[in-house]
Amino acid sequence: MTANDRPEAPATQPRDEAAAFRASNAANEFRQARLGKLEAMKRLGVNPYPYRFDRTALAAAIEQEYAALPAGETTNATVRVCGRIRAIRNSGMFIDLHDASGKIQVFCHKDFMAPEQIELVKLLDLGDMIGVSGLVRRTPRGELTVNAAEVTVLSKALLPLPEKYHGLSDLETRYRQRYLDLIMNPESRDTLRKRSLIIAAIRSFLIERGFLEVETPMLHTIAGGATARPFITHHNALDMDLYLRIAPELHLKRLIVGGLSDKVFEINRNFRNEGVSPRHNPEFTMMELYWAFADYNDIRTLLEEMVEHAAIAANGTTKVMVGDNEIDFAAPWARRSMIDLVKDKTGVDFNEIQTAEAARDAAKRLGVKIEGHENWGQAVEAVFGDKVEHTLIQPTHVMDHPLDISPLTKVHRDNPRLVERFETVVNGIELTNAYSELTDPQDQFERFEGQMKQRDQGDDEAQQLDIDFITALEYGLPPTGGLGVGIDRLVMMLTNSPAIRDVIAFPTMRPTA
């Protein structure tokens, strides 16, 4: 290995950070008390961090199996359950044990446990993880319970959980310490579990319809496929800069050119060097698909069916509350052209405006912020974003965008100033982007040249020229429909989550120090 092949050493943390951590721990009286119990457990011969535990049942399964067990009766069924202690009552006699499925009560009493086990129970705290073996019974008050014969410590918690009755409400703490959020807030667990159901539903829907799931690179030599500012990294061995993927589009189209399949899709992680907001995270998940021999009308129908399927998988219905609005994802959805929507809202018909300067002037008269370099299409887009988008509540396909803002899309077959593209807006938020894909290599090259001119004028989000992609098109890309769906935003809507950080397990956060 040469010097150039060696990876760069990671930056070392300051030594005073470790010292501060130690000092903070030493000053934490709750942690010190738990450390004392930890040592007491070891004196009893207990390993507080064992290797495994043989569980035989989840709490929810026990509840279901013994739902008809009368109050006051004890079974002869021994179960082995495990989870986190969320409540301790009567000096450890009653413990509420939570696992991933729910809660089960544990009864610890000297009539059923050895003396050393009773001593161990006295050393337990809220937040500790334990395993319990014992008989199932229902108390005279009707609580399904495990009579503990043996308790096994699985992980001694050194820090206390947040106060039970107020939970974890501070948003910064919830996002930075997601593990605490998931422990304390069942709503957060439900949201992230629904996210998994939604992604699984989308994947199965597409595979059942003949789409092939593929993987494309996350490190690109050219940041292409979207209008966005990329993150840049450096490959030491090759001594070259690379971009984190902003979109998989151009690589997925290459697979269509190559004939890997007529239908391909990827559920992928993208990275865009943009601000953080309730709708934006620099690292986000997209589903992109490409369907050969189809156009954006075919894609529109496919999209409606797919989202309808995902909504039912997550919630059992197509109707969901998003904020104060009930949204119905049942197909078909409304469809309107961008130009017509702008005209309806503002009275200005941009079809009658011929020049970029006149379009900018019209936007300014409407009170829309204009930088001064916008072309006709960018002015239309600015007016739509300011005056129209936030008013679209029910799922609406915003059809037929300006050619100027759509460098990868086929020209509209009826209007050369527009392209065959739609974005779907729900509750004022863009959810999808779909095209009749541009397949003419000469036209695509000219569009890229136009994007390069925009970059020269200071637009650092304009797309870069990808010669290899042009070369691929010259071997022949069939008529193709393409679709991108923002998974995070879709999950926001299907779980009624107000911020994108609610639906991402570990969102990007500013350092605390």
Protein backbone atom coordinates (compact mmCIF):
# COMPACT_ATOMS: atom_id res chain seq x y z
CA MET A 1 0.00 0.00 0.00
CA THR A 2 1.36 3.37 -1.01
CA ALA A 3 0.96 6.58 0.90
CA ASN A 4 -1.72 7.70 -1.56
CA ASP A 5 -3.70 4.48 -0.95
CA ARG A 6 -3.91 4.97 2.80
CA PRO A 7 -7.21 6.38 4.01
CA GLU A 8 -7.05 9.64 5.82
CA ALA A 9 -7.06 9.27 9.59
CA PRO A 10 -10.32 10.39 11.17
CA ALA A 11 -10.21 13.62 13.09
CA THR A 12 -9.59 12.94 16.77
CA GLN A 13 -11.94 14.31 19.38
CA PRO A 14 -10.46 16.76 21.86
CA ARG A 15 -9.26 15.12 25.05
CA ASP A 16 -11.19 17.64 27.10
CA GLU A 17 -14.44 16.25 25.61
CA ALA A 18 -13.74 12.86 27.18
CA ALA A 19 -12.76 14.57 30.44
CA ALA A 20 -15.98 16.58 30.41
CA PHE A 21 -17.97 13.40 29.84
CA ARG A 22 -16.32 11.74 32.82
CA ALA A 23 -16.89 14.79 35.00
CA SER A 24 -20.55 14.97 34.02
CA ASN A 25 -21.04 11.31 34.83
CA ALA A 26 -19.33 11.70 38.20
CA ALA A 27 -21.65 14.58 39.09
CA ASN A 28 -24.80 12.68 38.12
CA GLU A 29 -26.16 11.33 41.39
CA PHE A 30 -28.72 9.13 39.64
CA ARG A 31 -26.01 7.46 37.59
CA GLN A 32 -23.86 6.98 40.67
CA ALA A 33 -26.74 5.28 42.48
CA ARG A 34 -27.26 2.92 39.56
CA LEU A 35 -23.55 2.15 39.41
CA GLY A 36 -23.83 1.11 43.06
CA LYS A 37 -26.62 -1.30 42.16
CA LEU A 38 -24.59 -2.57 39.23
CA GLU A 39 -21.74 -3.49 41.58
CA ALA A 40 -24.20 -5.10 44.00
CA MET A 41 -25.51 -7.27 41.16
CA LYS A 42 -21.99 -8.41 40.38
CA ARG A 43 -21.47 -9.33 44.04
CA LEU A 44 -24.53 -11.56 43.73
CA GLY A 45 -22.79 -13.32 40.86
CA VAL A 46 -25.02 -11.72 38.22
CA ASN A 47 -23.67 -10.68 34.83
CA PRO A 48 -25.65 -7.47 34.12
CA TYR A 49 -24.78 -7.62 30.40
CA PRO A 50 -25.22 -11.26 29.31
CA TYR A 51 -24.96 -12.64 25.79
CA ARG A 52 -28.49 -13.84 25.01
CA PHE A 53 -31.90 -14.81 26.33
CA ASP A 54 -34.32 -17.46 25.05
CA ARG A 55 -37.66 -15.69 24.66
CA THR A 56 -40.73 -17.82 23.94
CA ALA A 57 -43.46 -15.19 23.61
CA LEU A 58 -44.18 -11.49 23.03
CA ALA A 59 -46.52 -9.55 25.30
CA ALA A 60 -49.14 -9.08 22.58
CA ALA A 61 -49.16 -12.79 21.75
CA ILE A 62 -49.74 -13.67 25.43
CA GLU A 63 -52.59 -11.18 25.61
CA GLN A 64 -54.17 -12.72 22.52
CA GLU A 65 -53.70 -16.35 23.59
CA TYR A 66 -55.11 -15.84 27.09
CA ALA A 67 -57.75 -13.23 26.33
CA ALA A 68 -60.48 -15.52 27.69
CA LEU A 69 -58.64 -16.44 30.92
CA PRO A 70 -60.97 -15.56 33.84
CA ALA A 71 -59.88 -13.22 36.63
CA GLY A 72 -58.17 -14.99 39.49
CA GLU A 73 -57.09 -18.06 37.50
CA THR A 74 -53.53 -19.34 36.99
CA THR A 75 -52.46 -21.48 34.03
CA ASN A 76 -49.85 -24.21 33.98
CA ALA A 77 -48.18 -22.52 30.98
CA THR A 78 -44.62 -21.26 31.51
CA VAL A 79 -43.48 -18.40 29.28
CA ARG A 80 -40.20 -16.58 28.89
CA VAL A 81 -40.64 -12.87 28.16
CA CYS A 82 -38.19 -9.99 28.02
CA GLY A 83 -38.26 -6.24 27.66
CA ARG A 84 -37.68 -2.90 29.37
CA ILE A 85 -39.00 -2.01 32.83
CA ARG A 86 -41.33 0.96 32.55
CA ALA A 87 -42.96 0.84 36.00
CA ILE A 88 -42.15 -0.69 39.39
CA ARG A 89 -44.72 -0.85 42.19
CA ASN A 90 -44.78 -2.15 45.76
CA SER A 91 -40.98 -2.35 46.07
CA GLY A 92 -40.63 -4.47 42.98
CA MET A 93 -43.57 -6.80 43.57
CA PHE A 94 -45.25 -5.56 40.37
CA ILE A 95 -43.29 -4.65 37.24
CA ASP A 96 -44.63 -3.35 33.92
CA LEU A 97 -42.46 -4.93 31.25
CA HIS A 98 -42.60 -3.45 27.72
CA ASP A 99 -41.41 -5.22 24.59
CA ALA A 100 -41.79 -4.31 20.92
CA SER A 101 -45.37 -5.58 20.87
CA GLY A 102 -46.81 -4.12 24.06
CA LYS A 103 -46.87 -4.50 27.87
CA ILE A 104 -47.10 -7.45 30.26
CA GLN A 105 -47.26 -7.26 34.06
CA VAL A 106 -44.72 -9.27 36.07
CA PHE A 107 -45.41 -10.41 39.66
CA CYS A 108 -42.32 -10.94 41.83
CA HIS A 109 -43.00 -12.62 45.19
CA LYS A 110 -41.04 -14.72 47.66
CA ASP A 111 -43.62 -17.51 47.33
CA PHE A 112 -42.44 -18.14 43.78
CA MET A 113 -38.83 -16.92 43.74
CA ALA A 114 -35.58 -17.92 45.44
CA PRO A 115 -34.22 -15.49 48.09
CA GLU A 116 -31.30 -14.41 45.89
CA GLN A 117 -33.79 -13.61 43.14
CA ILE A 118 -35.76 -11.39 45.51
CA GLU A 119 -32.51 -9.59 46.36
CA LEU A 120 -31.85 -9.10 42.67
CA VAL A 121 -35.30 -7.60 42.10
CA LYS A 122 -34.53 -4.99 44.77
CA LEU A 123 -31.63 -3.78 42.58
CA LEU A 124 -33.76 -3.16 39.50
CA ASP A 125 -34.54 0.34 38.18
CA LEU A 126 -36.81 1.88 35.60
CA GLY A 127 -35.25 1.41 32.19
CA ASP A 128 -33.47 -1.84 33.02
CA MET A 129 -33.96 -4.64 30.53
CA ILE A 130 -34.81 -8.01 32.04
CA GLY A 131 -35.98 -11.47 31.06
CA VAL A 132 -38.65 -13.27 33.08
CA SER A 133 -39.65 -16.93 33.25
CA GLY A 134 -42.90 -17.91 34.95
CA LEU A 135 -46.54 -19.01 34.82
CA VAL A 136 -49.28 -16.97 33.16
CA ARG A 137 -52.19 -15.90 35.36
CA ARG A 138 -54.87 -13.26 35.53
CA THR A 139 -55.05 -11.29 38.77
CA PRO A 140 -58.32 -10.92 40.68
CA ARG A 141 -58.45 -7.37 39.24
CA GLY A 142 -58.20 -8.75 35.71
CA GLU A 143 -54.57 -7.93 34.82
CA LEU A 144 -52.81 -10.59 32.73
CA THR A 145 -49.60 -11.33 34.59
CA VAL A 146 -46.51 -13.53 34.58
CA ASN A 147 -45.74 -14.98 38.03
CA ALA A 148 -41.95 -14.68 37.97
CA ALA A 149 -40.00 -17.75 38.92
CA GLU A 150 -36.73 -16.36 37.62
CA VAL A 151 -35.58 -12.87 36.63
CA THR A 152 -32.54 -12.40 34.39
CA VAL A 153 -30.88 -8.99 34.05
CA LEU A 154 -30.26 -8.34 30.35
CA SER A 155 -28.96 -4.78 30.49
CA LYS A 156 -28.54 -2.54 33.52
CA ALA A 157 -29.51 1.03 32.57
CA LEU A 158 -27.10 3.58 34.04
CA LEU A 159 -29.23 6.60 33.20
CA PRO A 160 -32.87 7.19 34.21
CA LEU A 161 -35.65 7.53 31.67
CA PRO A 162 -37.49 10.84 31.32
CA GLU A 163 -40.28 11.39 33.82
CA LYS A 164 -43.13 9.00 32.98
CA TYR A 165 -46.17 11.22 32.94
CA HIS A 166 -44.71 14.00 30.78
CA GLY A 167 -42.71 11.71 28.53
CA LEU A 168 -40.17 13.18 26.15
CA SER A 169 -41.64 16.36 24.68
CA ASP A 170 -38.55 18.44 23.86
CA LEU A 171 -38.17 18.21 20.09
CA GLU A 172 -34.41 18.72 20.04
CA THR A 173 -33.91 15.85 22.48
CA ARG A 174 -36.36 13.65 20.61
CA TYR A 175 -34.48 14.04 17.32
CA ARG A 176 -30.95 13.96 18.76
CA GLN A 177 -31.61 11.02 21.06
CA ARG A 178 -34.08 9.07 18.96
CA TYR A 179 -33.60 6.00 21.14
CA LEU A 180 -35.16 7.90 24.07
CA ASP A 181 -37.96 9.15 21.84
CA LEU A 182 -38.75 5.58 20.76
CA ILE A 183 -38.70 4.30 24.34
CA MET A 184 -41.00 7.01 25.65
CA ASN A 185 -43.32 7.83 22.73
CA PRO A 186 -45.42 5.06 21.17
CA GLU A 187 -46.47 7.52 18.44
CA SER A 188 -42.86 7.75 17.24
CA ARG A 189 -42.56 3.98 17.14
CA ASP A 190 -45.82 3.74 15.21
CA THR A 191 -44.68 6.34 12.66
CA LEU A 192 -41.40 4.59 11.88
CA ARG A 193 -43.09 1.19 11.74
CA LYS A 194 -45.61 2.59 9.27
CA ARG A 195 -42.71 3.93 7.22
CA SER A 196 -41.46 0.38 6.88
CA LEU A 197 -44.94 -0.84 5.86
CA ILE A 198 -45.23 1.92 3.24
CA ILE A 199 -41.86 1.14 1.66
CA ALA A 200 -42.60 -2.59 1.68
CA ALA A 201 -45.99 -1.95 0.06
CA ILE A 202 -44.42 0.16 -2.70
CA ARG A 203 -41.75 -2.46 -3.33
CA SER A 204 -44.22 -5.36 -3.52
CA PHE A 205 -46.62 -3.34 -5.69
CA LEU A 206 -43.93 -2.65 -8.29
CA ILE A 207 -42.44 -6.14 -8.27
CA GLU A 208 -45.91 -7.65 -8.79
CA ARG A 209 -46.27 -5.43 -11.87
CA GLY A 210 -43.04 -6.62 -13.42
CA PHE A 211 -40.62 -3.93 -12.25
CA LEU A 212 -37.06 -5.02 -11.54
CA GLU A 213 -35.43 -3.56 -8.43
CA VAL A 214 -31.88 -2.37 -9.13
CA GLU A 215 -29.05 -0.50 -7.44
CA THR A 216 -27.09 2.40 -8.89
CA PRO A 217 -24.00 4.25 -7.60
CA MET A 218 -24.15 6.71 -4.72
CA LEU A 219 -20.78 8.24 -5.70
CA HIS A 220 -20.96 10.10 -9.01
CA THR A 221 -18.30 11.78 -11.11
CA ILE A 222 -21.01 14.15 -12.41
CA ALA A 223 -23.89 15.36 -10.26
CA GLY A 224 -26.80 14.77 -12.62
CA GLY A 225 -30.44 13.82 -12.81
CA ALA A 226 -31.83 16.73 -10.80
CA THR A 227 -31.55 20.46 -10.28
CA ALA A 228 -29.75 20.64 -6.94
CA ARG A 229 -26.52 21.58 -5.22
CA PRO A 230 -24.45 18.44 -4.45
CA PHE A 231 -22.19 17.38 -1.62
CA ILE A 232 -18.59 16.88 -2.72
CA THR A 233 -16.18 14.30 -1.35
CA HIS A 234 -12.70 13.12 -2.37
CA HIS A 235 -11.40 9.68 -3.25
CA ASN A 236 -7.82 9.45 -2.01
CA ALA A 237 -6.56 6.49 -4.05
CA LEU A 238 -7.82 7.90 -7.35
CA ASP A 239 -7.15 11.50 -6.27
CA MET A 240 -10.48 12.68 -7.63
CA ASP A 241 -13.50 14.56 -6.38
CA LEU A 242 -16.82 12.74 -6.36
CA TYR A 243 -20.38 13.88 -5.72
CA LEU A 244 -22.86 12.21 -3.45
CA ARG A 245 -25.86 11.20 -5.54
CA ILE A 246 -28.53 13.86 -5.99
CA ALA A 247 -30.68 11.51 -8.12
CA PRO A 248 -30.33 8.06 -9.72
CA GLU A 249 -32.14 9.10 -12.91
CA LEU A 250 -29.34 9.03 -15.47
CA HIS A 251 -28.01 5.66 -14.32
CA LEU A 252 -31.49 4.11 -14.30
CA LYS A 253 -32.04 5.30 -17.87
CA ARG A 254 -28.75 3.71 -18.86
CA LEU A 255 -30.18 0.39 -17.65
CA ILE A 256 -33.24 0.88 -19.88
CA VAL A 257 -30.90 1.60 -22.82
CA GLY A 258 -29.02 -1.60 -22.03
CA GLY A 259 -32.20 -3.67 -22.03
CA LEU A 260 -31.78 -5.00 -18.48
CA SER A 261 -35.54 -4.73 -18.14
CA ASP A 262 -38.37 -2.68 -19.61
CA LYS A 263 -39.30 -1.68 -16.05
CA VAL A 264 -36.75 -0.75 -13.38
CA PHE A 265 -37.00 0.94 -10.00
CA GLU A 266 -34.77 1.88 -7.11
CA ILE A 267 -35.61 2.92 -3.57
CA ASN A 268 -32.56 5.05 -2.98
CA ARG A 269 -30.89 7.50 -0.64
CA ASN A 270 -30.07 10.90 -2.15
CA PHE A 271 -28.06 13.84 -0.82
CA ARG A 272 -28.64 17.50 -1.64
CA ASN A 273 -26.64 20.31 -0.13
CA GLU A 274 -29.59 22.48 0.77
CA GLY A 275 -31.18 23.96 3.84
CA VAL A 276 -33.02 22.08 6.57
CA SER A 277 -36.74 22.76 6.93
CA PRO A 278 -39.92 20.90 7.94
CA ARG A 279 -39.95 19.55 4.35
CA HIS A 280 -36.22 19.14 3.66
CA ASN A 281 -33.44 16.97 5.04
CA PRO A 282 -30.05 16.92 3.26
CA GLU A 283 -30.21 13.10 3.23
CA PHE A 284 -33.53 11.73 2.00
CA THR A 285 -35.15 8.70 0.38
CA MET A 286 -36.67 8.56 -3.09
CA MET A 287 -38.32 5.90 -5.17
CA GLU A 288 -37.52 6.32 -8.86
CA LEU A 289 -38.82 4.12 -11.66
CA TYR A 290 -38.57 4.01 -15.45
CA TRP A 291 -41.03 2.20 -17.71
CA ALA A 292 -40.07 1.63 -21.34
CA PHE A 293 -42.71 2.15 -24.04
CA ALA A 294 -44.88 4.20 -21.63
CA ASP A 295 -45.47 7.95 -21.25
CA TYR A 296 -46.40 10.27 -18.41
CA ASN A 297 -50.08 9.36 -18.73
CA ASP A 298 -49.29 5.71 -17.98
CA ILE A 299 -47.10 6.82 -15.08
CA ARG A 300 -49.90 8.95 -13.65
CA THR A 301 -52.24 5.96 -13.43
CA LEU A 302 -49.52 3.74 -11.97
CA LEU A 303 -48.71 6.35 -9.33
CA GLU A 304 -52.31 6.71 -8.19
CA GLU A 305 -52.70 2.96 -7.81
CA MET A 306 -49.37 2.64 -5.98
CA VAL A 307 -50.06 5.37 -3.42
CA GLU A 308 -53.59 4.08 -2.89
CA HIS A 309 -52.07 0.66 -2.17
CA ALA A 310 -49.51 2.12 0.25
CA ALA A 311 -52.16 4.14 2.11
CA ILE A 312 -54.28 1.05 2.68
CA ALA A 313 -51.23 -0.96 3.76
CA ALA A 314 -50.34 1.66 6.38
CA ASN A 315 -53.78 2.73 7.59
CA GLY A 316 -56.40 0.37 6.18
CA THR A 317 -58.01 3.25 4.27
CA THR A 318 -57.26 5.77 1.54
CA LYS A 319 -58.50 8.63 3.73
CA VAL A 320 -56.02 10.18 6.15
CA MET A 321 -55.82 13.34 8.19
CA VAL A 322 -52.96 15.63 7.20
CA GLY A 323 -52.95 18.49 9.64
CA ASP A 324 -56.51 19.80 9.71
CA ASN A 325 -57.39 18.38 6.29
CA GLU A 326 -58.80 15.00 5.41
CA ILE A 327 -56.96 13.80 2.31
CA ASP A 328 -58.37 11.05 0.12
CA PHE A 329 -55.76 9.18 -1.90
CA ALA A 330 -58.34 7.09 -3.76
CA ALA A 331 -57.83 7.24 -7.54
CA PRO A 332 -58.36 9.10 -9.78
CA TRP A 333 -56.75 12.37 -8.68
CA ALA A 334 -57.32 15.87 -10.04
CA ARG A 335 -55.13 17.03 -12.92
CA ARG A 336 -54.58 20.64 -14.09
CA SER A 337 -51.95 22.34 -16.18
CA MET A 338 -49.53 24.65 -14.37
CA ILE A 339 -50.38 27.52 -16.71
CA ASP A 340 -54.13 27.14 -16.09
CA LEU A 341 -53.67 26.93 -12.32
CA VAL A 342 -51.65 30.15 -12.36
CA LYS A 343 -54.26 31.86 -14.56
CA ASP A 344 -57.10 30.76 -12.27
CA LYS A 345 -55.36 32.10 -9.18
CA THR A 346 -53.81 35.32 -10.55
CA GLY A 347 -55.70 36.18 -13.75
CA VAL A 348 -52.41 36.18 -15.70
CA ASP A 349 -52.20 33.88 -18.72
CA PHE A 350 -48.50 33.19 -19.28
CA ASN A 351 -49.33 31.54 -22.60
CA GLU A 352 -49.91 35.06 -23.88
CA ILE A 353 -46.54 36.32 -22.59
CA GLN A 354 -43.77 35.75 -25.12
CA THR A 355 -40.52 36.98 -23.60
CA ALA A 356 -38.57 36.27 -20.41
CA GLU A 357 -38.50 39.96 -19.55
CA ALA A 358 -42.27 40.26 -19.83
CA ALA A 359 -42.70 37.14 -17.73
CA ARG A 360 -40.44 38.56 -15.01
CA ASP A 361 -42.37 41.83 -15.08
CA ALA A 362 -45.66 39.95 -14.70
CA ALA A 363 -44.29 38.04 -11.75
CA LYS A 364 -43.10 41.26 -10.09
CA ARG A 365 -46.52 42.85 -10.53
CA LEU A 366 -47.98 39.87 -8.69
CA GLY A 367 -45.59 40.48 -5.79
CA VAL A 368 -43.42 37.43 -6.50
CA LYS A 369 -39.71 37.75 -5.70
CA ILE A 370 -37.63 37.72 -8.88
CA GLU A 371 -33.82 37.83 -9.03
CA GLY A 372 -33.67 39.26 -12.55
CA HIS A 373 -32.07 36.44 -14.54
CA GLU A 374 -35.10 34.11 -14.75
CA ASN A 375 -36.23 32.80 -18.11
CA TRP A 376 -39.91 32.49 -19.07
CA GLY A 377 -40.35 29.10 -17.48
CA GLN A 378 -38.60 30.03 -14.26
CA ALA A 379 -40.88 33.05 -13.90
CA VAL A 380 -43.93 30.82 -14.35
CA GLU A 381 -42.56 28.39 -11.79
CA ALA A 382 -41.91 31.21 -9.31
CA VAL A 383 -45.49 32.47 -9.59
CA PHE A 384 -46.88 28.95 -9.22
CA GLY A 385 -44.78 28.33 -6.12
CA ASP A 386 -45.76 31.60 -4.49
CA LYS A 387 -49.43 31.88 -5.44
CA VAL A 388 -50.76 28.40 -6.19
CA GLU A 389 -48.90 25.44 -4.73
CA HIS A 390 -49.90 25.97 -1.10
CA THR A 391 -53.60 26.11 -2.08
CA LEU A 392 -53.66 22.56 -3.53
CA ILE A 393 -54.89 20.31 -0.72
CA GLN A 394 -56.32 17.15 -2.31
CA PRO A 395 -53.92 15.15 -4.52
CA THR A 396 -53.47 17.17 -7.70
CA HIS A 397 -51.30 16.43 -10.71
CA VAL A 398 -49.82 19.74 -11.85
CA MET A 399 -49.38 18.99 -15.54
CA ASP A 400 -47.32 20.29 -18.46
CA HIS A 401 -44.48 22.37 -17.03
CA PRO A 402 -42.42 24.93 -18.96
CA LEU A 403 -39.67 23.54 -21.17
CA ASP A 404 -37.18 25.98 -19.60
CA ILE A 405 -37.25 24.21 -16.21
CA SER A 406 -37.38 20.62 -17.46
CA PRO A 407 -34.08 19.66 -19.14
CA LEU A 408 -34.72 15.90 -19.12
CA THR A 409 -38.30 15.85 -20.42
CA LYS A 410 -39.90 15.40 -23.83
CA VAL A 411 -41.44 18.47 -25.44
CA HIS A 412 -45.21 18.48 -25.10
CA ARG A 413 -46.77 17.00 -28.21
CA ASP A 414 -49.29 19.91 -28.42
CA ASN A 415 -47.29 22.93 -27.14
CA PRO A 416 -43.56 23.39 -27.86
CA ARG A 417 -43.10 25.79 -24.90
CA LEU A 418 -44.11 23.05 -22.47
CA VAL A 419 -43.04 19.51 -21.66
CA GLU A 420 -44.86 16.32 -20.74
CA ARG A 421 -44.18 16.49 -17.05
CA PHE A 422 -46.30 16.54 -13.92
CA GLU A 423 -45.67 17.09 -10.25
CA THR A 424 -48.21 15.83 -7.74
CA VAL A 425 -49.01 18.27 -4.94
CA VAL A 426 -50.78 17.16 -1.75
CA ASN A 427 -51.65 19.49 1.13
CA GLY A 428 -49.51 22.17 -0.51
CA ILE A 429 -46.41 19.95 -0.71
CA GLU A 430 -44.77 18.52 -3.82
CA LEU A 431 -44.84 14.74 -3.54
CA THR A 432 -43.82 13.39 -6.96
CA ASN A 433 -42.20 14.33 -10.24
CA ALA A 434 -42.88 12.45 -13.48
CA TYR A 435 -41.92 12.78 -17.15
CA SER A 436 -42.32 11.49 -20.60
CA GLU A 437 -38.56 11.11 -20.71
CA LEU A 438 -36.45 12.91 -23.28
CA THR A 439 -35.00 10.27 -25.63
CA ASP A 440 -33.54 12.42 -28.46
CA PRO A 441 -29.77 12.61 -27.82
CA GLN A 442 -29.27 15.78 -29.89
CA ASP A 443 -32.08 17.57 -28.11
CA GLN A 444 -30.72 16.37 -24.76
CA PHE A 445 -27.26 17.71 -25.58
CA GLU A 446 -28.71 21.12 -26.43
CA ARG A 447 -30.68 21.14 -23.18
CA PHE A 448 -27.52 20.38 -21.23
CA GLU A 449 -25.77 23.24 -23.02
CA GLY A 450 -28.58 25.52 -21.88
CA GLN A 451 -28.08 24.31 -18.32
CA MET A 452 -24.35 25.02 -18.60
CA LYS A 453 -25.12 28.61 -19.62
CA GLN A 454 -27.31 28.95 -16.53
CA ARG A 455 -24.41 27.68 -14.42
CA ASP A 456 -22.15 30.28 -16.04
CA GLN A 457 -24.69 32.92 -15.00
CA GLY A 458 -24.43 31.85 -11.37
CA ASP A 459 -27.06 29.11 -11.04
CA ASP A 460 -25.06 26.48 -9.14
CA GLU A 461 -28.06 24.15 -9.09
CA ALA A 462 -28.28 23.91 -12.88
CA GLN A 463 -27.42 20.49 -14.27
CA GLN A 464 -23.98 19.50 -15.49
CA LEU A 465 -23.15 18.07 -18.90
CA ASP A 466 -22.94 14.25 -18.82
CA ILE A 467 -21.30 13.16 -22.07
CA ASP A 468 -21.54 9.45 -21.27
CA PHE A 469 -25.29 9.79 -20.76
CA ILE A 470 -25.58 11.48 -24.15
CA THR A 471 -23.56 8.60 -25.63
CA ALA A 472 -25.96 6.11 -24.04
CA LEU A 473 -28.91 7.93 -25.61
CA GLU A 474 -27.20 7.72 -28.99
CA TYR A 475 -27.45 3.93 -28.74
CA GLY A 476 -31.21 4.35 -28.38
CA LEU A 477 -33.50 4.93 -25.40
CA PRO A 478 -37.05 3.77 -26.20
CA PRO A 479 -40.08 5.90 -25.32
CA THR A 480 -40.00 5.88 -21.53
CA GLY A 481 -42.06 7.21 -18.64
CA GLY A 482 -40.26 8.10 -15.43
CA LEU A 483 -41.38 8.80 -11.88
CA GLY A 484 -39.79 10.00 -8.65
CA VAL A 485 -41.64 9.84 -5.33
CA GLY A 486 -40.36 11.47 -2.15
CA ILE A 487 -40.69 8.62 0.34
CA ASP A 488 -40.16 10.84 3.38
CA ARG A 489 -42.89 13.25 2.30
CA LEU A 490 -45.28 10.41 1.47
CA VAL A 491 -44.71 8.94 4.93
CA MET A 492 -45.32 12.40 6.44
CA MET A 493 -48.72 12.47 4.80
CA LEU A 494 -49.73 8.89 5.54
CA THR A 495 -48.77 9.26 9.22
CA ASN A 496 -49.95 12.87 9.72
CA SER A 497 -46.44 13.97 10.68
CA PRO A 498 -45.86 17.74 10.53
CA ALA A 499 -42.09 17.62 9.92
CA ILE A 500 -39.77 15.47 7.84
CA ARG A 501 -37.63 14.88 10.93
CA ASP A 502 -40.55 12.95 12.46
CA VAL A 503 -40.37 10.28 9.75
CA ILE A 504 -36.58 9.91 9.52
CA ALA A 505 -35.08 7.86 12.32
CA PHE A 506 -31.92 9.95 12.51
CA PRO A 507 -32.39 13.35 10.83
CA THR A 508 -29.49 15.71 10.17
CA MET A 509 -28.97 18.01 13.17
CA ARG A 510 -26.67 20.92 13.88
CA PRO A 511 -23.93 19.98 16.41
CA THR A 512 -24.72 21.06 19.95
CA ALA A 513 -21.22 22.45 20.55
